[in-house]
């Protein structure tokens, strides 16, 4: 990369960012993630992660009760 390809603003200096640590987040990244893309209607109804989790946990509880009734 040469200076002509550099898109950083002139007021920012690479050396001001510090040295950096290779693999700093590797362990966290390698554990994976559970991100999902919600339909816009679902996101509107459940605007926070807590709201989504509460609704899904309630659904799981209800489903497990329904399964036990059939047995």
PDB file of N, CA and C in Angstrom:
ATOM      1  N   UNK A   1       0.851  -1.182   0.000  1.00  0.00           N
ATOM      2  CA  UNK A   1       0.000   0.000   0.000  1.00  0.00           C
ATOM      3  C   UNK A   1       0.889   1.236   0.000  1.00  0.00           C
ATOM      4  N   UNK A   2       0.588   2.161  -0.853  1.00  0.00           N
ATOM      5  CA  UNK A   2       1.374   3.387  -0.858  1.00  0.00           C
ATOM      6  C   UNK A   2       0.531   4.550  -0.360  1.00  0.00           C
ATOM      7  N   UNK A   3       1.155   5.693  -0.222  1.00  0.00           N
ATOM      8  CA  UNK A   3       0.467   6.869   0.334  1.00  0.00           C
ATOM      9  C   UNK A   3      -0.738   7.276  -0.511  1.00  0.00           C
ATOM     10  N   UNK A   4      -0.691   7.035  -1.831  1.00  0.00           N
ATOM     11  CA  UNK A   4      -1.803   7.407  -2.703  1.00  0.00           C
ATOM     12  C   UNK A   4      -3.051   6.586  -2.419  1.00  0.00           C
ATOM     13  N   UNK A   5      -2.882   5.352  -1.926  1.00  0.00           N
ATOM     14  CA  UNK A   5      -4.011   4.474  -1.635  1.00  0.00           C
ATOM     15  C   UNK A   5      -4.586   4.703  -0.242  1.00  0.00           C
ATOM     16  N   UNK A   6      -3.891   5.454   0.590  1.00  0.00           N
ATOM     17  CA  UNK A   6      -4.301   5.666   1.973  1.00  0.00           C
ATOM     18  C   UNK A   6      -5.521   6.581   2.015  1.00  0.00           C
ATOM     19  N   UNK A   7      -6.624   6.095   2.586  1.00  0.00           N
ATOM     20  CA  UNK A   7      -7.846   6.879   2.656  1.00  0.00           C
ATOM     21  C   UNK A   7      -8.051   7.530   4.023  1.00  0.00           C
ATOM     22  N   UNK A   8      -7.100   7.333   4.932  1.00  0.00           N
ATOM     23  CA  UNK A   8      -7.230   7.937   6.248  1.00  0.00           C
ATOM     24  C   UNK A   8      -7.050   9.449   6.153  1.00  0.00           C
ATOM     25  N   UNK A   9      -7.762  10.168   6.959  1.00  0.00           N
ATOM     26  CA  UNK A   9      -7.611  11.618   6.992  1.00  0.00           C
ATOM     27  C   UNK A   9      -6.212  11.985   7.462  1.00  0.00           C
ATOM     28  N   UNK A  10      -5.709  13.090   6.979  1.00  0.00           N
ATOM     29  CA  UNK A  10      -4.342  13.478   7.343  1.00  0.00           C
ATOM     30  C   UNK A  10      -4.158  13.732   8.841  1.00  0.00           C
ATOM     31  N   UNK A  11      -5.228  14.098   9.550  1.00  0.00           N
ATOM     32  CA  UNK A  11      -5.087  14.377  10.982  1.00  0.00           C
ATOM     33  C   UNK A  11      -4.920  13.109  11.817  1.00  0.00           C
ATOM     34  N   UNK A  12      -5.214  11.957  11.219  1.00  0.00           N
ATOM     35  CA  UNK A  12      -5.026  10.686  11.917  1.00  0.00           C
ATOM     36  C   UNK A  12      -3.668  10.093  11.563  1.00  0.00           C
ATOM     37  N   UNK A  13      -2.992   9.604  12.560  1.00  0.00           N
ATOM     38  CA  UNK A  13      -1.677   8.998  12.344  1.00  0.00           C
ATOM     39  C   UNK A  13      -1.721   7.558  12.817  1.00  0.00           C
ATOM     40  N   UNK A  14      -1.223   6.644  12.023  1.00  0.00           N
ATOM     41  CA  UNK A  14      -1.206   5.221  12.369  1.00  0.00           C
ATOM     42  C   UNK A  14      -0.501   4.980  13.690  1.00  0.00           C
ATOM     43  N   UNK A  15       0.598   5.660  13.908  1.00  0.00           N
ATOM     44  CA  UNK A  15       1.368   5.454  15.140  1.00  0.00           C
ATOM     45  C   UNK A  15       0.595   5.880  16.391  1.00  0.00           C
ATOM     46  N   UNK A  16      -0.418   6.731  16.240  1.00  0.00           N
ATOM     47  CA  UNK A  16      -1.234   7.158  17.383  1.00  0.00           C
ATOM     48  C   UNK A  16      -2.195   6.051  17.815  1.00  0.00           C
ATOM     49  N   UNK A  17      -2.408   5.067  16.975  1.00  0.00           N
ATOM     50  CA  UNK A  17      -3.319   3.972  17.305  1.00  0.00           C
ATOM     51  C   UNK A  17      -2.691   2.929  18.211  1.00  0.00           C
ATOM     52  N   UNK A  18      -1.408   2.989  18.401  1.00  0.00           N
ATOM     53  CA  UNK A  18      -0.740   2.014  19.248  1.00  0.00           C
ATOM     54  C   UNK A  18      -0.226   0.846  18.439  1.00  0.00           C
ATOM     55  N   UNK A  19       0.375  -0.066  19.141  1.00  0.00           N
ATOM     56  CA  UNK A  19       1.031  -1.201  18.498  1.00  0.00           C
ATOM     57  C   UNK A  19       0.050  -2.260  17.992  1.00  0.00           C
ATOM     58  N   UNK A  20      -0.980  -2.525  18.739  1.00  0.00           N
ATOM     59  CA  UNK A  20      -1.926  -3.571  18.356  1.00  0.00           C
ATOM     60  C   UNK A  20      -1.448  -4.935  18.849  1.00  0.00           C
ATOM     61  N   UNK A  21      -2.378  -5.837  19.037  1.00  0.00           N
ATOM     62  CA  UNK A  21      -2.066  -7.180  19.527  1.00  0.00           C
ATOM     63  C   UNK A  21      -2.650  -8.187  18.552  1.00  0.00           C
ATOM     64  N   UNK A  22      -1.800  -8.990  17.950  1.00  0.00           N
ATOM     65  CA  UNK A  22      -2.265  -9.995  17.000  1.00  0.00           C
ATOM     66  C   UNK A  22      -3.063 -11.079  17.729  1.00  0.00           C
ATOM     67  N   UNK A  23      -4.235 -11.389  17.204  1.00  0.00           N
ATOM     68  CA  UNK A  23      -5.062 -12.447  17.782  1.00  0.00           C
ATOM     69  C   UNK A  23      -5.755 -12.069  19.076  1.00  0.00           C
ATOM     70  N   UNK A  24      -5.871 -10.787  19.351  1.00  0.00           N
ATOM     71  CA  UNK A  24      -6.459 -10.331  20.620  1.00  0.00           C
ATOM     72  C   UNK A  24      -7.858 -10.914  20.860  1.00  0.00           C
ATOM     73  N   UNK A  25      -8.651 -11.006  19.811  1.00  0.00           N
ATOM     74  CA  UNK A  25     -10.029 -11.476  19.951  1.00  0.00           C
ATOM     75  C   UNK A  25     -10.229 -12.879  19.373  1.00  0.00           C
ATOM     76  N   UNK A  26      -9.147 -13.584  19.070  1.00  0.00           N
ATOM     77  CA  UNK A  26      -9.253 -14.891  18.422  1.00  0.00           C
ATOM     78  C   UNK A  26     -10.071 -15.882  19.250  1.00  0.00           C
ATOM     79  N   UNK A  27      -9.783 -15.973  20.526  1.00  0.00           N
ATOM     80  CA  UNK A  27     -10.487 -16.949  21.373  1.00  0.00           C
ATOM     81  C   UNK A  27     -11.982 -16.654  21.416  1.00  0.00           C
ATOM     82  N   UNK A  28     -12.326 -15.386  21.593  1.00  0.00           N
ATOM     83  CA  UNK A  28     -13.737 -15.000  21.643  1.00  0.00           C
ATOM     84  C   UNK A  28     -14.411 -15.299  20.298  1.00  0.00           C
ATOM     85  N   UNK A  29     -13.730 -14.980  19.206  1.00  0.00           N
ATOM     86  CA  UNK A  29     -14.278 -15.216  17.875  1.00  0.00           C
ATOM     87  C   UNK A  29     -14.440 -16.703  17.587  1.00  0.00           C
ATOM     88  N   UNK A  30     -13.472 -17.498  18.009  1.00  0.00           N
ATOM     89  CA  UNK A  30     -13.516 -18.931  17.702  1.00  0.00           C
ATOM     90  C   UNK A  30     -14.626 -19.656  18.459  1.00  0.00           C
ATOM     91  N   UNK A  31     -15.148 -19.061  19.514  1.00  0.00           N
ATOM     92  CA  UNK A  31     -16.268 -19.666  20.244  1.00  0.00           C
ATOM     93  C   UNK A  31     -17.559 -19.549  19.447  1.00  0.00           C
ATOM     94  N   UNK A  32     -17.562 -18.683  18.458  1.00  0.00           N
ATOM     95  CA  UNK A  32     -18.735 -18.529  17.601  1.00  0.00           C
ATOM     96  C   UNK A  32     -19.668 -17.452  18.106  1.00  0.00           C
ATOM     97  N   UNK A  33     -20.734 -17.303  17.397  1.00  0.00           N
ATOM     98  CA  UNK A  33     -21.720 -16.290  17.732  1.00  0.00           C
ATOM     99  C   UNK A  33     -23.100 -16.812  17.368  1.00  0.00           C
ATOM    100  N   UNK A  34     -24.104 -16.223  17.934  1.00  0.00           N
ATOM    101  CA  UNK A  34     -25.475 -16.642  17.687  1.00  0.00           C
ATOM    102  C   UNK A  34     -26.292 -15.495  17.091  1.00  0.00           C
ATOM    103  N   UNK A  35     -25.704 -14.743  16.202  1.00  0.00           N
ATOM    104  CA  UNK A  35     -26.418 -13.630  15.597  1.00  0.00           C
ATOM    105  C   UNK A  35     -27.414 -14.142  14.574  1.00  0.00           C
ATOM    106  N   UNK A  36     -28.590 -13.546  14.578  1.00  0.00           N
ATOM    107  CA  UNK A  36     -29.614 -13.881  13.592  1.00  0.00           C
ATOM    108  C   UNK A  36     -30.217 -12.577  13.075  1.00  0.00           C
ATOM    109  N   UNK A  37     -30.690 -12.608  11.854  1.00  0.00           N
ATOM    110  CA  UNK A  37     -31.342 -11.452  11.267  1.00  0.00           C
ATOM    111  C   UNK A  37     -32.841 -11.601  11.457  1.00  0.00           C
ATOM    112  N   UNK A  38     -33.434 -10.656  12.151  1.00  0.00           N
ATOM    113  CA  UNK A  38     -34.869 -10.709  12.419  1.00  0.00           C
ATOM    114  C   UNK A  38     -35.653 -10.049  11.288  1.00  0.00           C
ATOM    115  N   UNK A  39     -36.803 -10.586  11.002  1.00  0.00           N
ATOM    116  CA  UNK A  39     -37.737  -9.954  10.085  1.00  0.00           C
ATOM    117  C   UNK A  39     -38.087  -8.586  10.677  1.00  0.00           C
ATOM    118  N   UNK A  40     -38.310  -7.590   9.834  1.00  0.00           N
ATOM    119  CA  UNK A  40     -38.612  -6.237  10.313  1.00  0.00           C
ATOM    120  C   UNK A  40     -39.808  -6.208  11.269  1.00  0.00           C
ATOM    121  N   UNK A  41     -40.813  -7.042  11.000  1.00  0.00           N
ATOM    122  CA  UNK A  41     -41.997  -7.068  11.869  1.00  0.00           C
ATOM    123  C   UNK A  41     -41.657  -7.611  13.246  1.00  0.00           C
ATOM    124  N   UNK A  42     -40.781  -8.603  13.298  1.00  0.00           N
ATOM    125  CA  UNK A  42     -40.365  -9.177  14.586  1.00  0.00           C
ATOM    126  C   UNK A  42     -39.525  -8.159  15.351  1.00  0.00           C
ATOM    127  N   UNK A  43     -38.598  -7.505  14.655  1.00  0.00           N
ATOM    128  CA  UNK A  43     -37.745  -6.507  15.298  1.00  0.00           C
ATOM    129  C   UNK A  43     -38.567  -5.354  15.857  1.00  0.00           C
ATOM    130  N   UNK A  44     -39.632  -5.003  15.169  1.00  0.00           N
ATOM    131  CA  UNK A  44     -40.492  -3.913  15.653  1.00  0.00           C
ATOM    132  C   UNK A  44     -41.254  -4.337  16.915  1.00  0.00           C
ATOM    133  N   UNK A  45     -41.695  -5.586  16.939  1.00  0.00           N
ATOM    134  CA  UNK A  45     -42.456  -6.091  18.083  1.00  0.00           C
ATOM    135  C   UNK A  45     -41.556  -6.365  19.293  1.00  0.00           C
ATOM    136  N   UNK A  46     -40.312  -6.760  19.024  1.00  0.00           N
ATOM    137  CA  UNK A  46     -39.366  -7.096  20.088  1.00  0.00           C
ATOM    138  C   UNK A  46     -38.080  -6.303  19.854  1.00  0.00           C
ATOM    139  N   UNK A  47     -38.030  -5.052  20.298  1.00  0.00           N
ATOM    140  CA  UNK A  47     -36.934  -4.157  19.927  1.00  0.00           C
ATOM    141  C   UNK A  47     -35.598  -4.385  20.640  1.00  0.00           C
ATOM    142  N   UNK A  48     -35.562  -5.260  21.642  1.00  0.00           N
ATOM    143  CA  UNK A  48     -34.303  -5.494  22.353  1.00  0.00           C
ATOM    144  C   UNK A  48     -34.007  -6.993  22.395  1.00  0.00           C
ATOM    145  N   UNK A  49     -32.754  -7.322  22.618  1.00  0.00           N
ATOM    146  CA  UNK A  49     -32.363  -8.725  22.748  1.00  0.00           C
ATOM    147  C   UNK A  49     -33.105  -9.371  23.913  1.00  0.00           C
ATOM    148  N   UNK A  50     -33.280  -8.627  24.984  1.00  0.00           N
ATOM    149  CA  UNK A  50     -33.983  -9.159  26.158  1.00  0.00           C
ATOM    150  C   UNK A  50     -35.426  -9.503  25.812  1.00  0.00           C
ATOM    151  N   UNK A  51     -36.087  -8.642  25.032  1.00  0.00           N
ATOM    152  CA  UNK A  51     -37.477  -8.893  24.647  1.00  0.00           C
ATOM    153  C   UNK A  51     -37.582 -10.134  23.764  1.00  0.00           C
ATOM    154  N   UNK A  52     -36.656 -10.276  22.834  1.00  0.00           N
ATOM    155  CA  UNK A  52     -36.651 -11.456  21.965  1.00  0.00           C
ATOM    156  C   UNK A  52     -36.438 -12.714  22.792  1.00  0.00           C
ATOM    157  N   UNK A  53     -35.433 -12.695  23.668  1.00  0.00           N
ATOM    158  CA  UNK A  53     -35.136 -13.865  24.493  1.00  0.00           C
ATOM    159  C   UNK A  53     -36.300 -14.226  25.399  1.00  0.00           C
ATOM    160  N   UNK A  54     -36.923 -13.227  26.008  1.00  0.00           N
ATOM    161  CA  UNK A  54     -38.056 -13.486  26.898  1.00  0.00           C
ATOM    162  C   UNK A  54     -39.195 -14.160  26.126  1.00  0.00           C
ATOM    163  N   UNK A  55     -39.481 -13.661  24.933  1.00  0.00           N
ATOM    164  CA  UNK A  55     -40.560 -14.241  24.119  1.00  0.00           C
ATOM    165  C   UNK A  55     -40.222 -15.667  23.699  1.00  0.00           C
ATOM    166  N   UNK A  56     -38.994 -15.886  23.256  1.00  0.00           N
ATOM    167  CA  UNK A  56     -38.617 -17.232  22.809  1.00  0.00           C
ATOM    168  C   UNK A  56     -38.559 -18.222  23.970  1.00  0.00           C
ATOM    169  N   UNK A  57     -38.090 -17.780  25.122  1.00  0.00           N
ATOM    170  CA  UNK A  57     -38.069 -18.670  26.290  1.00  0.00           C
ATOM    171  C   UNK A  57     -39.489 -19.024  26.723  1.00  0.00           C
ATOM    172  N   UNK A  58     -40.393 -18.051  26.623  1.00  0.00           N
ATOM    173  CA  UNK A  58     -41.803 -18.321  26.926  1.00  0.00           C
ATOM    174  C   UNK A  58     -42.384 -19.330  25.956  1.00  0.00           C
ATOM    175  N   UNK A  59     -42.029 -19.212  24.689  1.00  0.00           N
ATOM    176  CA  UNK A  59     -42.492 -20.163  23.688  1.00  0.00           C
ATOM    177  C   UNK A  59     -41.940 -21.559  23.954  1.00  0.00           C
ATOM    178  N   UNK A  60     -40.675 -21.641  24.338  1.00  0.00           N
ATOM    179  CA  UNK A  60     -40.084 -22.940  24.683  1.00  0.00           C
ATOM    180  C   UNK A  60     -40.787 -23.578  25.884  1.00  0.00           C
ATOM    181  N   UNK A  61     -41.087 -22.762  26.882  1.00  0.00           N
ATOM    182  CA  UNK A  61     -41.774 -23.281  28.069  1.00  0.00           C
ATOM    183  C   UNK A  61     -43.153 -23.803  27.696  1.00  0.00           C
ATOM    184  N   UNK A  62     -43.854 -23.049  26.879  1.00  0.00           N
ATOM    185  CA  UNK A  62     -45.182 -23.459  26.435  1.00  0.00           C
ATOM    186  C   UNK A  62     -45.111 -24.733  25.605  1.00  0.00           C
ATOM    187  N   UNK A  63     -44.144 -24.817  24.716  1.00  0.00           N
ATOM    188  CA  UNK A  63     -43.984 -26.006  23.873  1.00  0.00           C
ATOM    189  C   UNK A  63     -43.661 -27.230  24.705  1.00  0.00           C
ATOM    190  N   UNK A  64     -42.817 -27.064  25.728  1.00  0.00           N
ATOM    191  CA  UNK A  64     -42.459 -28.229  26.561  1.00  0.00           C
ATOM    192  C   UNK A  64     -43.656 -28.708  27.363  1.00  0.00           C
ATOM    193  N   UNK A  65     -44.526 -27.796  27.789  1.00  0.00           N
ATOM    194  CA  UNK A  65     -45.746 -28.207  28.503  1.00  0.00           C
ATOM    195  C   UNK A  65     -46.673 -28.956  27.560  1.00  0.00           C
ATOM    196  N   UNK A  66     -46.780 -28.495  26.331  1.00  0.00           N
ATOM    197  CA  UNK A  66     -47.656 -29.131  25.353  1.00  0.00           C
ATOM    198  C   UNK A  66     -47.152 -30.542  25.046  1.00  0.00           C
ATOM    199  N   UNK A  67     -45.877 -30.712  24.986  1.00  0.00           N
ATOM    200  CA  UNK A  67     -45.302 -32.035  24.722  1.00  0.00           C
ATOM    201  C   UNK A  67     -45.610 -32.972  25.883  1.00  0.00           C
ATOM    202  N   UNK A  68     -45.511 -32.462  27.105  1.00  0.00           N
ATOM    203  CA  UNK A  68     -45.778 -33.311  28.270  1.00  0.00           C
ATOM    204  C   UNK A  68     -47.259 -33.703  28.366  1.00  0.00           C
ATOM    205  N   UNK A  69     -48.154 -32.881  27.900  1.00  0.00           N
ATOM    206  CA  UNK A  69     -49.561 -33.196  27.943  1.00  0.00           C
ATOM    207  C   UNK A  69     -49.870 -34.362  27.008  1.00  0.00           C
ATOM    208  N   UNK A  70     -49.222 -34.399  25.847  1.00  0.00           N
ATOM    209  CA  UNK A  70     -49.463 -35.466  24.877  1.00  0.00           C
ATOM    210  C   UNK A  70     -48.969 -36.812  25.367  1.00  0.00           C
ATOM    211  N   UNK A  71     -47.974 -36.842  26.225  1.00  0.00           N
ATOM    212  CA  UNK A  71     -47.418 -38.113  26.698  1.00  0.00           C
ATOM    213  C   UNK A  71     -48.295 -38.668  27.724  1.00  0.00           C
TER     214      UNK A  71
END
